[in-house]
Amino acid sequence: AFDVDAMAAPPAPSPEQQEDDVVVFEQRLLTIGEAYVYKVPKLRQAVGHRAEDWGLASPSMTARLELVGAGDVLEIRIFDKDKESSTPAVARCPVRCGAGAPSVDSIVDPVVDSSRYFVLRCEDARKRHAYVGVGFRERDTAYDFKATIADFKAKCDREILAAQAAKEREKRAADGALAGETAADVEEAFEDLSLKAPIKIKAPGGGQPSSRPAAAKTVPYDSGPITKLAPPPPKGGARPAKSAVEQPPPSATEKDTTTSAPPAPPGDDDDFGDFESA
């Protein structure tokens, strides 16, 4: 159990935000209209939390979630769905993604027996922690929840790399001024990403000849006359030479068919004989 009044207060700003004293704008990244909140029992196994131990049929509250990004902190806000939208959040789970922050899985821990339930490490203004179970009815909603957190973490990682590159650039510029380098030399060292010659690129296979057969050479097409070759000689002896274009004589079957069926006399039509006799 946790103190609702204490958890409703926003967590204290990070030391970086207090030191810089900059204005941080909030951006609402995702709103989930229906979620279920559970009391999480103490972890009994080192493997992880199991949602089946929560009593899924009787959630503590039906909630509405909002994922809000501000600077390098993603805050998961839990609201009571049955109350008006103007009421304060019941609990807040800050996910810090800056340099040196704890891992995201230690703040938003997925259970081991389902992809729709998570354990959130909520925090109040006095840095007190409470673990709350959150579940979703649909897997698509759980995927959107996870993807939003992962995208925010990736954005913060890119910003960290860009800040490190900027600091390195400034340090290089300061060191170059002492060594006599100009600002143009420093910019060229960071921006010239082209490959420097000579560069050898070795193809896979070690340069050995390929076992693939060579493609056959194409022969230009000759549109001249096509001659018909003479048939092979019979077994008994050699056939006398004949012209290559001479046509072979008709076979015996062709002769029988042409001589056995005499042409019908004119005026005799078998197809209409029945009609004439009728």
Protein backbone atom coordinates (compact mmCIF):
# COMPACT_ATOMS: atom_id res chain seq x y z
CA ALA A 1 0.00 0.00 0.00
CA PHE A 2 1.06 3.59 -0.52
CA ASP A 3 0.01 7.05 0.59
CA VAL A 4 -2.18 8.49 -2.14
CA ASP A 5 -1.78 12.09 -0.95
CA ALA A 6 1.98 11.82 -0.85
CA MET A 7 2.19 10.08 -4.20
CA ALA A 8 -0.04 12.70 -5.81
CA ALA A 9 2.61 15.37 -5.33
CA PRO A 10 5.06 15.64 -8.21
CA PRO A 11 8.55 14.29 -7.59
CA ALA A 12 11.34 16.69 -6.81
CA PRO A 13 13.23 18.03 -9.83
CA SER A 14 16.56 16.47 -10.69
CA PRO A 15 19.80 18.16 -9.55
CA GLU A 16 20.56 19.08 -13.15
CA GLN A 17 17.26 20.93 -13.46
CA GLN A 18 17.84 22.75 -10.16
CA GLU A 19 21.38 23.72 -11.16
CA ASP A 20 20.58 24.90 -14.67
CA ASP A 21 17.32 26.62 -13.63
CA VAL A 22 15.90 26.24 -17.12
CA VAL A 23 12.29 26.13 -18.19
CA VAL A 24 11.30 22.58 -19.14
CA PHE A 25 8.20 22.11 -21.26
CA GLU A 26 6.00 19.08 -20.83
CA GLN A 27 4.89 17.00 -23.79
CA ARG A 28 2.09 14.49 -23.54
CA LEU A 29 3.29 11.45 -25.44
CA LEU A 30 0.55 8.89 -24.80
CA THR A 31 -2.82 8.67 -23.09
CA ILE A 32 -4.32 5.31 -22.19
CA GLY A 33 -8.00 5.50 -21.34
CA GLU A 34 -8.26 2.23 -19.40
CA ALA A 35 -5.75 0.43 -17.22
CA TYR A 36 -5.95 -1.68 -14.08
CA VAL A 37 -3.96 -1.00 -10.91
CA TYR A 38 -2.99 -3.77 -8.49
CA LYS A 39 -1.20 -4.07 -5.18
CA VAL A 40 2.05 -5.90 -5.73
CA PRO A 41 3.09 -8.45 -3.09
CA LYS A 42 6.68 -8.78 -2.03
CA LEU A 43 8.94 -10.44 -4.54
CA ARG A 44 9.39 -14.06 -3.49
CA GLN A 45 11.49 -15.27 -6.41
CA ALA A 46 14.61 -13.83 -7.99
CA VAL A 47 13.18 -14.54 -11.44
CA GLY A 48 10.76 -11.62 -11.25
CA HIS A 49 7.19 -10.62 -10.54
CA ARG A 50 4.29 -12.82 -11.63
CA ALA A 51 0.94 -11.25 -12.45
CA GLU A 52 -0.98 -14.37 -11.45
CA ASP A 53 -0.15 -13.60 -7.81
CA TRP A 54 -1.93 -10.25 -7.90
CA GLY A 55 -5.54 -11.39 -8.04
CA LEU A 56 -6.22 -10.13 -11.53
CA ALA A 57 -9.99 -10.54 -11.21
CA SER A 58 -10.19 -7.84 -8.53
CA PRO A 59 -8.02 -4.81 -9.34
CA SER A 60 -7.62 -2.05 -6.77
CA MET A 61 -8.64 0.64 -9.24
CA THR A 62 -9.50 1.25 -12.87
CA ALA A 63 -7.20 4.02 -13.93
CA ARG A 64 -6.27 6.30 -16.79
CA LEU A 65 -2.58 6.71 -17.66
CA GLU A 66 -0.72 9.63 -19.14
CA LEU A 67 2.89 9.48 -20.30
CA VAL A 68 4.39 12.97 -20.16
CA GLY A 69 7.93 13.85 -21.21
CA ALA A 70 9.80 16.79 -19.70
CA GLY A 71 13.50 17.15 -20.43
CA ASP A 72 15.14 13.79 -19.81
CA VAL A 73 12.36 12.51 -17.52
CA LEU A 74 9.34 10.54 -18.68
CA GLU A 75 6.63 10.60 -16.06
CA ILE A 76 3.88 7.97 -15.94
CA ARG A 77 0.88 9.52 -14.22
CA ILE A 78 -1.93 7.37 -12.84
CA PHE A 79 -5.39 8.95 -12.58
CA ASP A 80 -8.62 7.54 -11.21
CA LYS A 81 -10.81 6.86 -14.21
CA ASP A 82 -14.07 7.32 -12.27
CA LYS A 83 -13.15 10.88 -11.24
CA GLU A 84 -12.96 14.03 -13.31
CA SER A 85 -9.96 14.74 -15.46
CA SER A 86 -9.12 17.83 -13.40
CA THR A 87 -8.35 15.77 -10.31
CA PRO A 88 -4.64 15.28 -9.50
CA ALA A 89 -2.79 12.11 -10.27
CA VAL A 90 -3.06 9.26 -7.80
CA ALA A 91 0.56 8.20 -8.32
CA ARG A 92 3.53 9.16 -10.47
CA CYS A 93 6.32 7.01 -11.82
CA PRO A 94 9.29 9.08 -13.07
CA VAL A 95 11.52 7.33 -15.60
CA ARG A 96 14.81 9.24 -15.70
CA CYS A 97 16.80 8.73 -18.89
CA GLY A 98 19.73 11.08 -18.37
CA ALA A 99 23.38 10.17 -17.94
CA GLY A 100 23.91 7.92 -14.93
CA ALA A 101 20.20 7.20 -14.49
CA PRO A 102 19.10 3.69 -13.46
CA SER A 103 17.97 1.27 -16.13
CA VAL A 104 14.44 1.57 -17.44
CA ASP A 105 13.65 -2.05 -16.50
CA SER A 106 14.32 -1.26 -12.85
CA ILE A 107 11.62 1.44 -12.97
CA VAL A 108 9.13 -0.19 -15.35
CA ASP A 109 9.56 -3.92 -14.80
CA PRO A 110 7.57 -6.31 -17.03
CA VAL A 111 6.28 -9.44 -15.33
CA VAL A 112 7.57 -12.85 -16.35
CA ASP A 113 4.25 -14.53 -17.12
CA SER A 114 2.49 -11.94 -19.32
CA SER A 115 3.22 -9.17 -21.80
CA ARG A 116 0.35 -6.95 -20.58
CA TYR A 117 1.36 -6.34 -16.95
CA PHE A 118 4.13 -4.20 -15.46
CA VAL A 119 5.44 -3.18 -12.06
CA LEU A 120 5.95 0.58 -11.72
CA ARG A 121 8.32 2.12 -9.18
CA CYS A 122 6.36 5.17 -8.09
CA GLU A 123 7.96 8.06 -6.24
CA ASP A 124 6.72 10.99 -4.21
CA ALA A 125 8.20 14.42 -3.51
CA ARG A 126 10.15 13.06 -0.51
CA LYS A 127 11.83 10.37 -2.63
CA ARG A 128 9.80 7.57 -1.07
CA HIS A 129 9.12 4.59 -3.31
CA ALA A 130 6.15 2.31 -3.75
CA TYR A 131 5.64 -0.50 -6.25
CA VAL A 132 2.35 -0.61 -8.12
CA GLY A 133 1.14 -3.17 -10.63
CA VAL A 134 -0.43 -1.95 -13.87
CA GLY A 135 -2.17 -4.09 -16.49
CA PHE A 136 -3.92 -3.58 -19.82
CA ARG A 137 -6.77 -5.41 -21.46
CA GLU A 138 -5.26 -5.47 -24.97
CA ARG A 139 -1.75 -6.40 -26.05
CA ASP A 140 -1.70 -3.52 -28.54
CA THR A 141 -2.12 -1.08 -25.66
CA ALA A 142 0.73 -2.71 -23.76
CA TYR A 143 2.89 -2.49 -26.88
CA ASP A 144 2.18 1.23 -27.27
CA PHE A 145 3.07 1.71 -23.61
CA LYS A 146 6.42 -0.04 -24.00
CA ALA A 147 7.21 1.57 -27.38
CA THR A 148 6.60 5.08 -26.04
CA ILE A 149 9.05 4.52 -23.20
CA ALA A 150 11.63 2.97 -25.54
CA ASP A 151 11.36 5.85 -28.03
CA PHE A 152 11.80 8.43 -25.29
CA LYS A 153 14.85 6.58 -23.96
CA ALA A 154 16.38 6.42 -27.46
CA LYS A 155 15.82 10.17 -27.92
CA CYS A 156 17.58 10.93 -24.65
CA ASP A 157 20.50 8.68 -25.61
CA ARG A 158 20.94 10.58 -28.88
CA GLU A 159 20.89 13.87 -27.00
CA ILE A 160 23.56 12.59 -24.62
CA LEU A 161 25.80 11.58 -27.53
CA ALA A 162 25.28 14.97 -29.18
CA ALA A 163 26.20 16.77 -25.95
CA GLN A 164 29.33 14.68 -25.58
CA ALA A 165 30.33 15.46 -29.16
CA ALA A 166 29.80 19.17 -28.54
CA LYS A 167 31.97 19.08 -25.43
CA GLU A 168 34.67 17.22 -27.33
CA ARG A 169 34.50 19.81 -30.07
CA GLU A 170 34.86 22.65 -27.58
CA LYS A 171 37.77 20.91 -25.89
CA ARG A 172 39.44 20.30 -29.23
CA ALA A 173 38.97 23.95 -30.14
CA ALA A 174 40.50 25.09 -26.84
CA ASP A 175 43.46 22.72 -27.19
CA GLY A 176 43.89 23.68 -30.84
CA ALA A 177 44.08 27.36 -29.98
CA LEU A 178 47.03 26.62 -27.71
CA ALA A 179 48.65 24.46 -30.41
CA GLY A 180 48.14 27.03 -33.14
CA GLU A 181 45.19 25.36 -34.90
CA THR A 182 42.49 27.54 -36.35
CA ALA A 183 38.75 27.08 -35.95
CA ALA A 184 38.55 25.89 -39.56
CA ASP A 185 40.99 23.06 -38.81
CA VAL A 186 38.87 21.93 -35.88
CA GLU A 187 35.67 22.01 -37.95
CA GLU A 188 37.35 20.03 -40.73
CA ALA A 189 38.50 17.37 -38.27
CA PHE A 190 34.91 16.82 -37.14
CA GLU A 191 33.03 17.23 -40.40
CA ASP A 192 35.29 15.48 -42.94
CA LEU A 193 33.85 11.96 -42.85
CA SER A 194 35.02 10.89 -46.31
CA LEU A 195 37.25 7.85 -46.83
CA LYS A 196 40.92 8.67 -47.11
CA ALA A 197 42.92 7.07 -49.96
CA PRO A 198 44.43 4.58 -50.37
CA ILE A 199 41.78 2.19 -49.09
CA LYS A 200 41.61 -1.47 -50.07
CA ILE A 201 38.28 -3.24 -49.86
CA LYS A 202 38.61 -7.01 -49.80
CA ALA A 203 35.69 -8.92 -51.21
CA PRO A 204 34.59 -12.11 -49.43
CA GLY A 205 36.13 -15.29 -50.82
CA GLY A 206 39.80 -14.36 -50.61
CA GLY A 207 40.13 -13.48 -54.27
CA GLN A 208 39.81 -17.09 -55.43
CA PRO A 209 38.22 -17.79 -58.80
CA SER A 210 34.55 -18.30 -58.64
CA SER A 211 33.10 -21.78 -59.19
CA ARG A 212 30.27 -20.28 -61.12
CA PRO A 213 30.42 -21.29 -64.81
CA ALA A 214 31.15 -18.57 -67.28
CA ALA A 215 28.23 -17.28 -69.29
CA ALA A 216 28.04 -18.58 -72.85
CA LYS A 217 28.97 -16.17 -75.58
CA THR A 218 26.09 -14.97 -77.65
CA VAL A 219 26.27 -15.68 -81.37
CA PRO A 220 24.71 -13.13 -83.70
CA TYR A 221 21.57 -14.40 -85.33
CA ASP A 222 21.79 -15.18 -89.08
CA SER A 223 18.53 -14.59 -90.91
CA GLY A 224 19.56 -16.55 -94.03
CA PRO A 225 17.55 -19.42 -95.60
CA ILE A 226 17.09 -22.51 -93.46
CA THR A 227 17.79 -25.74 -95.41
CA LYS A 228 16.28 -29.06 -94.49
CA LEU A 229 18.73 -31.89 -94.00
CA ALA A 230 18.26 -35.23 -95.77
CA PRO A 231 17.13 -38.23 -93.67
CA PRO A 232 19.81 -40.70 -92.51
CA PRO A 233 20.65 -43.67 -94.82
CA PRO A 234 18.93 -47.03 -94.21
CA LYS A 235 20.65 -49.89 -92.43
CA GLY A 236 21.14 -51.95 -95.59
CA GLY A 237 23.40 -49.53 -97.36
CA ALA A 238 24.16 -45.99 -98.22
CA ARG A 239 21.42 -43.83 -99.58
CA PRO A 240 22.25 -42.05 -102.82
CA ALA A 241 23.01 -38.45 -102.38
CA LYS A 242 20.07 -36.14 -102.83
CA SER A 243 19.53 -32.50 -102.59
CA ALA A 244 19.30 -31.19 -99.07
CA VAL A 245 16.13 -29.28 -99.89
CA GLU A 246 14.29 -32.22 -101.48
CA GLN A 247 11.10 -33.14 -99.68
CA PRO A 248 10.71 -36.82 -98.61
CA PRO A 249 8.06 -38.87 -100.44
CA PRO A 250 4.68 -39.23 -98.78
CA SER A 251 4.28 -42.17 -96.45
CA ALA A 252 2.12 -45.19 -97.20
CA THR A 253 -0.52 -44.12 -94.77
CA GLU A 254 -0.92 -40.81 -96.53
CA LYS A 255 -1.31 -42.65 -99.88
CA ASP A 256 -3.99 -44.96 -98.48
CA THR A 257 -5.98 -42.11 -97.06
CA THR A 258 -5.90 -40.18 -100.31
CA THR A 259 -6.82 -43.14 -102.58
CA SER A 260 -9.28 -45.10 -100.41
CA ALA A 261 -11.80 -42.26 -100.04
CA PRO A 262 -13.10 -41.22 -103.53
CA PRO A 263 -14.66 -37.81 -103.80
CA ALA A 264 -18.42 -37.65 -103.36
CA PRO A 265 -20.45 -37.06 -106.53
CA PRO A 266 -21.85 -33.59 -106.96
CA GLY A 267 -25.29 -33.08 -105.53
CA ASP A 268 -24.99 -35.93 -103.02
CA ASP A 269 -25.06 -34.45 -99.52
CA ASP A 270 -25.07 -36.99 -96.70
CA ASP A 271 -25.76 -34.41 -94.06
CA PHE A 272 -29.11 -33.39 -95.53
CA GLY A 273 -30.21 -36.80 -96.82
CA ASP A 274 -32.53 -37.50 -93.94
CA PHE A 275 -34.39 -34.25 -94.49
CA GLU A 276 -34.87 -34.97 -98.21
CA SER A 277 -36.25 -38.47 -97.59
CA ALA A 278 -38.63 -37.11 -95.05
